Protein backbone atom coordinates (compact mmCIF):
# COMPACT_ATOMS: atom_id res chain seq x y z
CA UNK A 1 0.42 -108.62 -40.32
CA UNK A 2 0.29 -112.29 -41.33
CA UNK A 3 0.43 -114.82 -38.51
CA UNK A 4 2.87 -117.72 -38.45
CA UNK A 5 0.04 -119.99 -39.58
CA UNK A 6 -0.80 -117.74 -42.54
CA UNK A 7 2.88 -117.72 -43.55
CA UNK A 8 3.01 -121.51 -43.30
CA UNK A 9 0.00 -121.86 -45.62
CA UNK A 10 1.43 -119.31 -48.05
CA UNK A 11 4.63 -121.37 -48.22
CA UNK A 12 2.60 -124.53 -48.76
CA UNK A 13 0.74 -122.76 -51.58
CA UNK A 14 4.01 -121.91 -53.29
CA UNK A 15 5.12 -125.55 -53.10
CA UNK A 16 1.78 -127.30 -53.72
CA UNK A 17 -1.11 -125.14 -54.95
CA UNK A 18 -2.96 -128.30 -55.97
CA UNK A 19 -3.75 -128.91 -52.27
CA UNK A 20 -5.96 -125.83 -52.22
CA UNK A 21 -7.44 -126.46 -55.66
CA UNK A 22 -8.43 -129.88 -54.31
CA UNK A 23 -9.94 -128.24 -51.21
CA UNK A 24 -12.01 -126.04 -53.50
CA UNK A 25 -13.19 -128.99 -55.60
CA UNK A 26 -11.17 -127.97 -58.67
CA UNK A 27 -9.97 -131.32 -60.06
CA UNK A 28 -9.91 -131.12 -63.84
CA UNK A 29 -8.15 -127.79 -64.36
CA UNK A 30 -4.62 -127.53 -65.70
CA UNK A 31 -2.23 -125.04 -64.09
CA UNK A 32 -0.82 -122.86 -66.87
CA UNK A 33 1.53 -120.80 -64.74
CA UNK A 34 2.14 -119.57 -61.20
CA UNK A 35 4.56 -117.17 -59.55
CA UNK A 36 5.13 -113.43 -59.60
CA UNK A 37 3.45 -112.95 -62.99
CA UNK A 38 0.08 -113.66 -61.37
CA UNK A 39 0.77 -111.78 -58.13
CA UNK A 40 0.89 -108.00 -58.58
CA UNK A 41 1.67 -105.89 -55.53
CA UNK A 42 -1.18 -103.94 -54.00
CA UNK A 43 -0.32 -101.35 -51.38
CA UNK A 44 3.14 -102.89 -51.04
CA UNK A 45 1.65 -106.21 -49.95
CA UNK A 46 1.51 -109.28 -52.15
CA UNK A 47 -1.70 -111.22 -52.27
CA UNK A 48 -1.43 -114.72 -50.81
CA UNK A 49 -1.68 -116.77 -53.99
CA UNK A 50 -2.92 -116.94 -57.56
CA UNK A 51 -2.60 -119.37 -60.46
CA UNK A 52 -3.85 -119.22 -64.03
CA UNK A 53 -5.92 -122.30 -64.86
CA UNK A 54 -7.20 -123.88 -68.04
CA UNK A 55 -10.47 -125.69 -67.36
CA UNK A 56 -12.26 -127.10 -70.38
CA UNK A 57 -12.56 -124.11 -72.75
CA UNK A 58 -12.10 -121.41 -70.11
CA UNK A 59 -8.92 -119.76 -68.88
CA UNK A 60 -9.30 -118.13 -65.47
CA UNK A 61 -7.44 -117.15 -62.31
CA UNK A 62 -7.76 -118.98 -59.01
CA UNK A 63 -7.10 -116.38 -56.28
CA UNK A 64 -6.41 -117.64 -52.74
CA UNK A 65 -6.32 -115.82 -49.42
CA UNK A 66 -5.40 -117.50 -46.12
CA UNK A 67 -6.57 -116.10 -42.82
CA UNK A 68 -6.35 -117.30 -39.22
CA UNK A 69 -7.67 -114.10 -37.62
CA UNK A 70 -10.28 -112.65 -40.01
CA UNK A 71 -11.83 -110.55 -37.27
CA UNK A 72 -8.57 -108.56 -37.12
CA UNK A 73 -8.29 -107.96 -40.85
CA UNK A 74 -10.25 -106.24 -43.61
CA UNK A 75 -10.67 -109.61 -45.29
CA UNK A 76 -13.77 -108.92 -47.43
CA UNK A 77 -12.33 -105.65 -48.77
CA UNK A 78 -8.88 -107.19 -49.23
CA UNK A 79 -10.31 -110.10 -51.22
CA UNK A 80 -12.30 -107.71 -53.43
CA UNK A 81 -9.27 -105.48 -53.91
CA UNK A 82 -6.87 -108.24 -54.91
CA UNK A 83 -9.40 -110.07 -57.06
CA UNK A 84 -10.25 -106.87 -58.92
CA UNK A 85 -6.60 -106.01 -59.43
CA UNK A 86 -5.89 -109.48 -60.82
CA UNK A 87 -8.70 -109.02 -63.34
CA UNK A 88 -7.41 -105.59 -64.37
CA UNK A 89 -3.82 -106.84 -64.57
CA UNK A 90 -4.53 -110.01 -66.59
CA UNK A 91 -7.91 -109.27 -68.19
CA UNK A 92 -9.07 -112.76 -67.19
CA UNK A 93 -12.01 -113.95 -65.06
CA UNK A 94 -11.09 -114.31 -61.38
CA UNK A 95 -12.57 -116.60 -58.75
CA UNK A 96 -11.52 -115.80 -55.20
CA UNK A 97 -11.32 -118.36 -52.40
CA UNK A 98 -10.75 -117.55 -48.74
CA UNK A 99 -9.33 -120.38 -46.60
CA UNK A 100 -10.16 -119.88 -42.94
CA UNK A 101 -8.16 -121.70 -40.27
CA UNK A 102 -8.37 -121.60 -36.51
CA UNK A 103 -11.40 -119.33 -36.22
CA UNK A 104 -15.12 -119.73 -35.65
CA UNK A 105 -16.03 -116.17 -36.56
CA UNK A 106 -18.77 -115.40 -39.04
CA UNK A 107 -17.55 -114.05 -42.34
CA UNK A 108 -19.66 -112.66 -45.19
CA UNK A 109 -19.07 -114.27 -48.57
CA UNK A 110 -19.16 -111.03 -50.50
CA UNK A 111 -18.01 -107.43 -50.41
CA UNK A 112 -20.51 -104.77 -51.37
CA UNK A 113 -20.30 -101.01 -51.83
CA UNK A 114 -23.37 -98.94 -52.69
CA UNK A 115 -23.98 -95.36 -53.75
CA UNK A 116 -27.03 -93.60 -55.16
CA UNK A 117 -29.06 -96.81 -55.15
CA UNK A 118 -26.45 -98.65 -57.25
CA UNK A 119 -24.31 -101.42 -55.77
CA UNK A 120 -21.09 -103.15 -56.68
CA UNK A 121 -20.93 -106.67 -55.26
CA UNK A 122 -17.91 -108.99 -55.31
CA UNK A 123 -18.55 -112.59 -54.27
CA UNK A 124 -15.98 -115.13 -53.14
CA UNK A 125 -15.99 -118.65 -51.70
CA UNK A 126 -15.15 -119.21 -48.03
CA UNK A 127 -13.64 -122.60 -47.14
CA UNK A 128 -13.56 -123.27 -43.40
CA UNK A 129 -10.82 -125.84 -42.95
CA UNK A 130 -11.44 -126.08 -39.21
CA UNK A 131 -14.99 -127.36 -39.85
CA UNK A 132 -13.80 -130.39 -41.85
CA UNK A 133 -13.46 -133.82 -40.23
CA UNK A 134 -9.91 -134.85 -39.43
CA UNK A 135 -10.58 -138.57 -39.92
CA UNK A 136 -11.67 -137.96 -43.51
CA UNK A 137 -8.83 -135.54 -44.21
CA UNK A 138 -6.30 -138.08 -42.93
CA UNK A 139 -7.28 -140.54 -45.68
CA UNK A 140 -6.66 -138.06 -48.51
CA UNK A 141 -2.96 -137.45 -49.32
CA UNK A 142 -3.67 -133.86 -50.40
CA UNK A 143 -5.59 -133.03 -47.21
CA UNK A 144 -3.73 -135.21 -44.67
CA UNK A 145 -1.03 -132.63 -43.80
CA UNK A 146 -3.76 -130.16 -42.78
CA UNK A 147 -5.64 -132.63 -40.57
CA UNK A 148 -4.41 -130.98 -37.31
CA UNK A 149 -6.32 -127.82 -38.31
CA UNK A 150 -9.66 -129.65 -37.93
CA UNK A 151 -11.24 -128.94 -34.57
CA UNK A 152 -12.19 -132.61 -34.04
CA UNK A 153 -8.64 -133.95 -34.63
CA UNK A 154 -7.37 -136.75 -32.39
CA UNK A 155 -3.95 -138.37 -32.03
CA UNK A 156 -5.07 -141.37 -34.10
CA UNK A 157 -5.97 -139.03 -36.98
CA UNK A 158 -2.39 -137.76 -37.05
CA UNK A 159 -1.12 -141.35 -37.13
CA UNK A 160 -3.50 -142.14 -39.98
CA UNK A 161 -2.45 -138.98 -41.86
CA UNK A 162 1.23 -139.92 -41.57
CA UNK A 163 0.54 -143.43 -42.86
CA UNK A 164 -1.42 -142.01 -45.82
CA UNK A 165 1.41 -139.68 -46.75
CA UNK A 166 4.05 -142.37 -46.37
CA UNK A 167 2.14 -144.85 -48.52
CA UNK A 168 0.98 -142.58 -51.33
CA UNK A 169 3.56 -139.84 -51.92
CA UNK A 170 7.00 -139.74 -53.49
CA UNK A 171 9.88 -138.99 -51.06
CA UNK A 172 10.25 -135.24 -51.72
CA UNK A 173 6.56 -134.46 -51.34
CA UNK A 174 6.29 -136.87 -48.39
CA UNK A 175 9.01 -134.88 -46.59
CA UNK A 176 7.27 -131.54 -47.30
CA UNK A 177 3.87 -132.76 -46.14
CA UNK A 178 5.33 -134.51 -43.08
CA UNK A 179 6.98 -131.22 -42.10
CA UNK A 180 3.61 -129.44 -42.32
CA UNK A 181 1.95 -132.19 -40.30
CA UNK A 182 4.66 -132.01 -37.64
CA UNK A 183 4.61 -128.20 -37.35
CA UNK A 184 0.81 -128.08 -37.09
CA UNK A 185 0.79 -130.81 -34.43
CA UNK A 186 3.41 -129.01 -32.37
CA UNK A 187 1.65 -125.69 -32.85
CA UNK A 188 -1.56 -127.20 -31.49
CA UNK A 189 0.32 -128.91 -28.61
CA UNK A 190 -1.05 -132.27 -29.66
CA UNK A 191 0.08 -135.39 -27.85
CA UNK A 192 1.19 -138.16 -30.21
CA UNK A 193 3.21 -141.29 -29.62
CA UNK A 194 6.97 -140.81 -29.08
CA UNK A 195 7.67 -143.00 -32.12
CA UNK A 196 5.44 -140.90 -34.42
CA UNK A 197 6.89 -137.66 -33.06
CA UNK A 198 10.42 -138.89 -33.76
CA UNK A 199 9.48 -140.09 -37.25
CA UNK A 200 7.76 -136.81 -38.15
CA UNK A 201 10.73 -134.84 -36.84
CA UNK A 202 13.22 -137.01 -38.73
CA UNK A 203 11.39 -136.73 -42.04
CA UNK A 204 10.65 -133.01 -41.59
CA UNK A 205 14.37 -132.24 -41.34
CA UNK A 206 14.83 -133.56 -44.90
CA UNK A 207 12.14 -131.32 -46.41
CA UNK A 208 13.41 -129.08 -49.20
CA UNK A 209 10.52 -126.65 -48.91
CA UNK A 210 9.96 -126.47 -45.17
CA UNK A 211 13.25 -127.34 -43.45
CA UNK A 212 13.89 -123.66 -42.62
CA UNK A 213 10.39 -123.16 -41.22
CA UNK A 214 10.77 -126.40 -39.27
CA UNK A 215 14.07 -125.25 -37.75
CA UNK A 216 12.61 -121.83 -36.90
CA UNK A 217 9.61 -123.46 -35.26
CA UNK A 218 11.79 -125.81 -33.21
CA UNK A 219 14.06 -122.93 -32.15
CA UNK A 220 11.06 -120.82 -31.09
CA UNK A 221 9.67 -123.79 -29.15
CA UNK A 222 12.98 -124.30 -27.38
CA UNK A 223 13.18 -120.58 -26.53
CA UNK A 224 9.65 -120.62 -25.10
CA UNK A 225 10.50 -123.74 -23.12
CA UNK A 226 13.64 -122.14 -21.72
CA UNK A 227 11.73 -118.99 -20.77
CA UNK A 228 9.03 -121.02 -19.01
CA UNK A 229 11.71 -123.07 -17.27
CA UNK A 230 13.54 -119.95 -16.11
CA UNK A 231 10.29 -118.40 -14.88
CA UNK A 232 9.38 -121.56 -12.97
CA UNK A 233 12.92 -121.74 -11.59
CA UNK A 234 12.78 -118.13 -10.41
CA UNK A 235 9.37 -118.70 -8.84
CA UNK A 236 10.58 -121.82 -7.03
CA UNK A 237 13.72 -119.96 -5.94
CA UNK A 238 11.68 -117.09 -4.54
CA UNK A 239 9.34 -119.50 -2.79
CA UNK A 240 12.25 -121.41 -1.25
CA UNK A 241 13.82 -118.10 -0.20
CA UNK A 242 10.62 -117.00 1.52
CA UNK A 243 10.31 -120.33 3.35
CA UNK A 244 13.95 -120.22 4.44
CA UNK A 245 13.47 -116.63 5.65
CA UNK A 246 10.46 -117.64 7.74
CA UNK A 247 12.36 -120.58 9.17
CA UNK A 248 15.27 -118.33 10.15
CA UNK A 249 12.89 -115.87 11.76
CA UNK A 250 11.28 -118.65 13.81
CA UNK A 251 14.71 -119.90 14.89
CA UNK A 252 15.69 -116.41 15.97
CA UNK A 253 12.51 -116.04 17.98
CA UNK A 254 13.15 -119.34 19.71
CA UNK A 255 16.60 -118.13 20.72
CA UNK A 256 15.15 -115.10 22.52
CA UNK A 257 15.05 -115.31 26.30
CA UNK A 258 12.18 -113.75 28.14
């Protein structure tokens, strides 16, 4: 089952696949088409993302998988399976890219099956977003919204990322990317200035692509906060009740006459 972070990245892919092409170093290719035509269903589960690209004289498919918990998934086999199916479905070359977030686990960069001394090997590229430097990501408008995923991120990197987005993007894309930046900061429990938090929240609410995810995230955060508050309240109530009970017991003992 996809995590909330995987779903967030899948939504970002649908809105802005060029972010992940940029992450992979694909700069000169032209996107020919995206959408359901490039995403056949395998075992009733859609692959995370695919686009058909024209790069120089070659037409090929960029296949993306996003994973926050690769140790809990059959990621190498899944990547091989989806990449192979894309090739069969479209009869075009396929290059698969796995984007890892929030994990330090080791992951092979190929899937191999052997029988009778013969082997089939499917290679793919692994991009570890968490290993990138937040300060550098914050200066790039296509990477800035993902800066909180870097393990070395600091509050000033988030401020820098917001300023980069505000200065270099048109309003609609600025709102989408600000929403991603806000959700990732909140998800990581990062402490930022009250002004920046208010600005990110204000802009995120205007996002056409992520307003629903933003509202869901805020609602879940409020529910968790209420649950923690109720638990703390119950614990304090029980503690006060125990203290009051002891006090009453002591008073009763003092009233006894020997």
